[in-house]
């Protein structure tokens, strides 16, 4: 699994810009066959990657029962709410794909 949060950096003019390095890490994670967890509600590059996953969902999540969970990661929430969504998604993935250490 690969978790993507925020993804911004200081721009050359002092503002904030999307972190292009995160997009490269996304491509690497895809090439390794990892499940991708872009937390779109954190904004910046994570939001762009979240949209990319949703637009091509079956390519990234061939297992059933995940779309609503991933969609929820694009909606605003408190840190506790977003953390709970992430943990719930990770636990479901661990159960469904029998990751090492899964119970």
Protein backbone atom coordinates (compact mmCIF):
# COMPACT_ATOMS: atom_id res chain seq x y z
CA UNK A 1 0.00 0.00 0.00
CA UNK A 2 1.03 3.56 -0.62
CA UNK A 3 -0.59 6.48 1.20
CA UNK A 4 -0.58 9.94 -0.42
CA UNK A 5 -1.24 13.03 1.73
CA UNK A 6 -1.08 16.72 0.82
CA UNK A 7 1.68 16.87 -1.81
CA UNK A 8 2.65 20.50 -1.99
CA UNK A 9 5.88 22.43 -1.93
CA UNK A 10 7.10 26.00 -1.90
CA UNK A 11 6.94 27.46 -5.37
CA UNK A 12 9.71 29.42 -6.99
CA UNK A 13 7.81 32.68 -6.36
CA UNK A 14 7.18 31.91 -2.69
CA UNK A 15 3.70 30.44 -3.10
CA UNK A 16 2.60 26.84 -2.79
CA UNK A 17 2.57 24.49 -5.78
CA UNK A 18 1.78 20.78 -6.25
CA UNK A 19 4.70 18.46 -5.52
CA UNK A 20 5.61 16.78 -8.78
CA UNK A 21 7.77 14.32 -6.86
CA UNK A 22 4.61 12.83 -5.36
CA UNK A 23 3.32 12.09 -8.85
CA UNK A 24 6.55 10.21 -9.56
CA UNK A 25 6.12 8.23 -6.32
CA UNK A 26 2.58 7.43 -7.44
CA UNK A 27 3.90 6.03 -10.74
CA UNK A 28 6.47 3.95 -8.85
CA UNK A 29 3.76 2.58 -6.52
CA UNK A 30 1.63 1.66 -9.55
CA UNK A 31 4.58 -0.11 -11.18
CA UNK A 32 5.12 -2.11 -7.97
CA UNK A 33 1.47 -3.19 -7.91
CA UNK A 34 0.69 -1.43 -4.64
CA UNK A 35 -2.79 -0.42 -3.55
CA UNK A 36 -3.00 3.36 -3.69
CA UNK A 37 -4.60 5.46 -0.98
CA UNK A 38 -4.66 9.10 -2.09
CA UNK A 39 -6.30 11.22 0.61
CA UNK A 40 -7.89 13.82 -1.65
CA UNK A 41 -9.30 15.96 1.15
CA UNK A 42 -5.75 16.99 2.08
CA UNK A 43 -5.53 18.88 -1.22
CA UNK A 44 -2.72 19.64 -3.65
CA UNK A 45 -1.23 16.66 -5.47
CA UNK A 46 -3.11 14.18 -3.24
CA UNK A 47 -6.38 15.63 -4.57
CA UNK A 48 -5.21 15.27 -8.18
CA UNK A 49 -4.15 11.66 -7.54
CA UNK A 50 -7.45 10.95 -5.78
CA UNK A 51 -9.30 12.14 -8.89
CA UNK A 52 -7.05 10.03 -11.11
CA UNK A 53 -7.79 6.91 -9.06
CA UNK A 54 -11.54 7.57 -9.10
CA UNK A 55 -11.53 8.26 -12.86
CA UNK A 56 -9.86 4.87 -13.50
CA UNK A 57 -11.06 3.06 -10.42
CA UNK A 58 -11.19 -0.49 -11.77
CA UNK A 59 -7.57 -0.23 -12.90
CA UNK A 60 -6.44 0.63 -9.37
CA UNK A 61 -8.95 -1.36 -7.28
CA UNK A 62 -9.89 -4.64 -8.96
CA UNK A 63 -11.49 -5.87 -5.73
CA UNK A 64 -15.16 -5.11 -5.06
CA UNK A 65 -16.36 -2.98 -2.17
CA UNK A 66 -13.84 -0.14 -2.11
CA UNK A 67 -15.22 2.67 -4.25
CA UNK A 68 -17.28 4.36 -1.53
CA UNK A 69 -14.38 4.17 0.91
CA UNK A 70 -11.99 5.78 -1.55
CA UNK A 71 -14.59 8.40 -2.53
CA UNK A 72 -14.95 9.31 1.15
CA UNK A 73 -11.26 10.22 1.26
CA UNK A 74 -12.04 13.19 -0.98
CA UNK A 75 -14.57 14.73 1.38
CA UNK A 76 -13.59 17.14 4.16
CA UNK A 77 -13.57 15.89 7.71
CA UNK A 78 -11.84 16.31 11.02
CA UNK A 79 -8.41 14.74 11.38
CA UNK A 80 -10.01 11.99 13.52
CA UNK A 81 -12.66 11.28 10.87
CA UNK A 82 -10.14 11.12 8.03
CA UNK A 83 -7.80 8.94 10.09
CA UNK A 84 -10.66 6.53 10.82
CA UNK A 85 -11.46 6.30 7.09
CA UNK A 86 -7.83 5.52 6.28
CA UNK A 87 -7.52 2.91 9.04
CA UNK A 88 -10.79 1.26 7.98
CA UNK A 89 -9.62 1.08 4.36
CA UNK A 90 -6.21 -0.31 5.33
CA UNK A 91 -7.79 -2.93 7.59
CA UNK A 92 -10.18 -4.03 4.82
CA UNK A 93 -7.29 -4.32 2.38
CA UNK A 94 -5.28 -6.33 4.91
CA UNK A 95 -8.18 -8.75 5.35
CA UNK A 96 -8.99 -9.06 1.65
CA UNK A 97 -5.47 -9.56 0.38
CA UNK A 98 -4.01 -11.34 3.41
CA UNK A 99 -1.04 -9.07 3.96
CA UNK A 100 1.70 -10.31 6.24
CA UNK A 101 0.76 -9.52 9.80
CA UNK A 102 -2.98 -9.45 9.03
CA UNK A 103 -5.17 -11.17 11.58
